[in-house]
Protein backbone atom coordinates (compact mmCIF):
# COMPACT_ATOMS: atom_id res chain seq x y z
CA MET A 1 0.00 0.00 0.00
CA VAL A 2 1.40 3.38 -1.02
CA GLU A 3 1.14 6.22 1.48
CA LEU A 4 2.51 9.74 1.78
CA ARG A 5 4.12 10.93 5.01
CA PRO A 6 5.80 14.22 5.96
CA MET A 7 9.49 14.35 5.11
CA CYS A 8 11.84 14.70 8.10
CA ALA A 9 15.53 15.45 8.63
CA ASP A 10 16.31 11.72 8.69
CA ASP A 11 15.17 11.55 5.05
CA VAL A 12 17.85 13.92 3.75
CA ALA A 13 20.40 11.10 3.36
CA LEU A 14 17.80 9.14 1.41
CA ILE A 15 17.17 12.12 -0.90
CA GLU A 16 20.93 12.46 -1.41
CA ARG A 17 21.14 8.79 -2.39
CA TRP A 18 18.22 9.08 -4.80
CA ASP A 19 19.73 12.29 -6.15
CA ALA A 20 22.72 10.29 -7.37
CA ASP A 21 20.52 8.15 -9.64
CA PRO A 22 21.14 9.15 -13.29
CA ALA A 23 17.42 8.97 -14.16
CA VAL A 24 16.51 11.27 -11.27
CA ARG A 25 19.23 13.73 -12.27
CA ALA A 26 18.05 13.69 -15.87
CA ALA A 27 14.43 14.30 -14.84
CA LEU A 28 15.44 17.17 -12.55
CA ASP A 29 17.97 18.66 -15.00
CA GLY A 30 20.79 18.06 -12.53
CA PRO A 31 21.16 17.14 -8.89
CA ALA A 32 18.47 18.49 -6.60
CA MET A 33 21.13 18.97 -3.93
CA ASP A 34 22.56 21.77 -6.09
CA TRP A 35 19.40 23.85 -5.98
CA TRP A 36 17.87 23.11 -2.62
CA ASP A 37 19.12 23.07 0.95
CA TRP A 38 16.89 20.25 2.19
CA GLU A 39 17.73 20.62 5.87
CA ALA A 40 16.99 24.37 5.85
CA GLU A 41 13.75 23.84 3.93
CA LEU A 42 12.59 21.17 6.37
CA GLU A 43 13.01 23.64 9.23
CA ARG A 44 10.72 26.15 7.53
CA ASP A 45 7.04 25.88 8.41
CA VAL A 46 5.14 27.41 5.51
CA PRO A 47 1.40 26.95 4.99
CA TRP A 48 1.65 26.74 1.20
CA ARG A 49 3.79 23.59 0.87
CA GLU A 50 4.10 19.97 1.88
CA LEU A 51 7.32 17.96 1.51
CA LEU A 52 6.41 14.28 1.55
CA ILE A 53 8.01 10.86 1.27
CA ALA A 54 6.07 8.19 -0.61
CA GLU A 55 6.26 4.76 0.98
CA ASP A 56 5.24 1.36 -0.31
CA ASP A 57 4.32 -0.82 2.68
CA GLY A 58 6.53 1.37 4.90
CA ARG A 59 9.52 1.39 2.52
CA PRO A 60 10.48 4.83 1.15
CA ILE A 61 10.20 4.91 -2.64
CA GLY A 62 9.89 8.55 -3.68
CA PHE A 63 9.55 12.25 -3.02
CA VAL A 64 6.46 14.43 -3.46
CA GLN A 65 6.15 18.18 -3.06
CA LEU A 66 2.73 19.83 -3.08
CA THR A 67 2.73 23.60 -3.45
CA ASP A 68 -0.05 26.17 -3.42
CA ALA A 69 1.06 27.87 -6.64
CA HIS A 70 -1.01 30.97 -5.87
CA ASP A 71 0.45 31.58 -2.39
CA GLU A 72 4.00 30.28 -2.89
CA GLU A 73 6.46 33.05 -1.95
CA THR A 74 8.67 33.17 -5.07
CA HIS A 75 5.73 33.14 -7.53
CA TYR A 76 7.54 30.43 -9.48
CA TRP A 77 4.36 29.69 -11.44
CA GLY A 78 3.56 33.34 -12.13
CA ASP A 79 0.09 34.80 -11.75
CA VAL A 80 -2.23 31.84 -11.20
CA GLU A 81 -5.76 31.56 -9.88
CA PRO A 82 -6.44 30.67 -6.25
CA GLY A 83 -6.97 26.92 -5.98
CA THR A 84 -4.03 26.16 -8.28
CA TRP A 85 -1.57 23.71 -6.76
CA ALA A 86 1.67 22.37 -8.21
CA LEU A 87 3.12 18.90 -7.89
CA ASP A 88 6.67 17.58 -7.98
CA ILE A 89 7.06 13.81 -7.89
CA TRP A 90 9.87 11.35 -8.44
CA LEU A 91 10.61 7.77 -7.59
CA GLY A 92 14.09 7.43 -6.16
CA SER A 93 15.21 3.97 -7.22
CA GLY A 94 15.21 2.45 -10.68
CA ALA A 95 14.00 -0.80 -9.10
CA ASP A 96 10.75 0.96 -8.16
CA ARG A 97 10.03 2.38 -11.60
CA GLY A 98 7.86 0.60 -14.15
CA ARG A 99 5.92 -1.31 -11.49
CA GLY A 100 2.83 0.90 -11.20
CA LEU A 101 4.08 2.63 -8.05
CA GLY A 102 4.26 6.03 -9.75
CA ARG A 103 0.58 5.79 -10.64
CA ARG A 104 -0.31 4.96 -7.05
CA VAL A 105 1.82 7.81 -5.69
CA MET A 106 0.20 10.15 -8.22
CA ASP A 107 -3.25 8.98 -7.11
CA ASP A 108 -2.44 9.82 -3.49
CA ALA A 109 -0.81 13.16 -4.37
CA THR A 110 -3.62 14.41 -6.61
CA GLU A 111 -6.28 13.26 -4.14
CA ARG A 112 -4.44 15.15 -1.39
CA CYS A 113 -4.34 18.31 -3.52
CA PHE A 114 -8.02 18.11 -4.45
CA GLU A 115 -9.49 16.83 -1.20
CA ARG A 116 -7.26 18.17 1.57
CA HIS A 117 -6.17 21.43 -0.06
CA GLY A 118 -9.26 22.19 -2.13
CA ALA A 119 -7.33 22.50 -5.38
CA THR A 120 -9.27 23.09 -8.57
CA THR A 121 -6.20 22.69 -10.81
CA ILE A 122 -2.85 20.92 -10.45
CA LEU A 123 0.21 21.99 -12.44
CA ILE A 124 3.34 20.00 -13.20
CA ASP A 125 6.42 20.97 -15.21
CA PRO A 126 8.48 18.09 -16.63
CA LEU A 127 11.46 18.90 -18.81
CA VAL A 128 10.45 18.87 -22.48
CA THR A 129 13.11 16.20 -22.98
CA ASN A 130 11.47 13.92 -20.39
CA THR A 131 9.11 12.29 -22.87
CA GLN A 132 8.53 9.28 -20.61
CA ALA A 133 7.18 11.50 -17.81
CA ILE A 134 5.15 13.59 -20.25
CA GLY A 135 3.54 10.42 -21.62
CA PHE A 136 2.75 9.26 -18.09
CA TYR A 137 1.16 12.60 -17.20
CA GLU A 138 -0.88 12.62 -20.43
CA ARG A 139 -2.16 9.10 -19.72
CA TYR A 140 -3.00 10.26 -16.20
CA GLY A 141 -5.16 13.08 -17.59
CA PHE A 142 -2.86 16.11 -17.60
CA SER A 143 -3.00 18.33 -20.68
CA ALA A 144 -0.23 20.48 -22.09
CA VAL A 145 -0.46 24.22 -21.44
CA GLY A 146 2.77 25.17 -23.17
CA GLU A 147 6.53 25.29 -22.92
CA ARG A 148 8.18 27.62 -20.43
CA HIS A 149 11.70 28.31 -19.23
CA PHE A 150 12.20 27.93 -15.49
CA ASP A 151 15.71 29.23 -14.85
CA ASP A 152 17.82 27.41 -17.47
CA SER A 153 15.40 24.49 -17.96
CA LEU A 154 12.85 24.25 -20.75
CA CYS A 155 9.76 22.59 -19.32
CA LEU A 156 6.32 21.62 -20.54
CA VAL A 157 3.73 23.05 -18.19
CA MET A 158 0.81 20.64 -17.85
CA ARG A 159 -2.45 20.87 -15.94
CA LEU A 160 -5.02 18.58 -14.44
CA ASP A 161 -8.41 20.07 -13.57
CA ARG A 162 -10.58 18.70 -10.82
CA ALA A 163 -13.45 16.68 -12.21
CA PRO A 164 -16.79 18.40 -11.78
CA THR A 165 -18.89 16.99 -8.98
CA SER A 166 -22.49 16.07 -9.59
CA SER A 167 -25.08 17.75 -7.43
């Protein structure tokens, strides 16, 4: 069973190990350790973000970040509507990829955005060169919004809208 739990300081070594995986580096356009001070970020208590570890039957398998794209302090996503959340997700070990775990982590992450945070839209920004991830997100229901440079990385911004509820 896949579950999401809050990331803690003890997980930093795990993130560093996953960060060494060539597929993770390629998906992130370099090592995440180069652009984020994990320990400092874990100490920050901000209402617009969750840093999570995905576990399969208690075994850590991946990282998930959920961000309120409207309230996030750097305005990384630009001017977006309230209710817009962003998602970062990666499985850390090659042995865990291609087994359906990513789909289950995505299910938990999107449900958390929609149900817990009241999101109406979820954004994601894979590198345009990450065709495998883009295909996964398309099959999941995300649609392309357009290409955008984030720092030096050319990404494809994609969105998933909350399904309308019947009354």
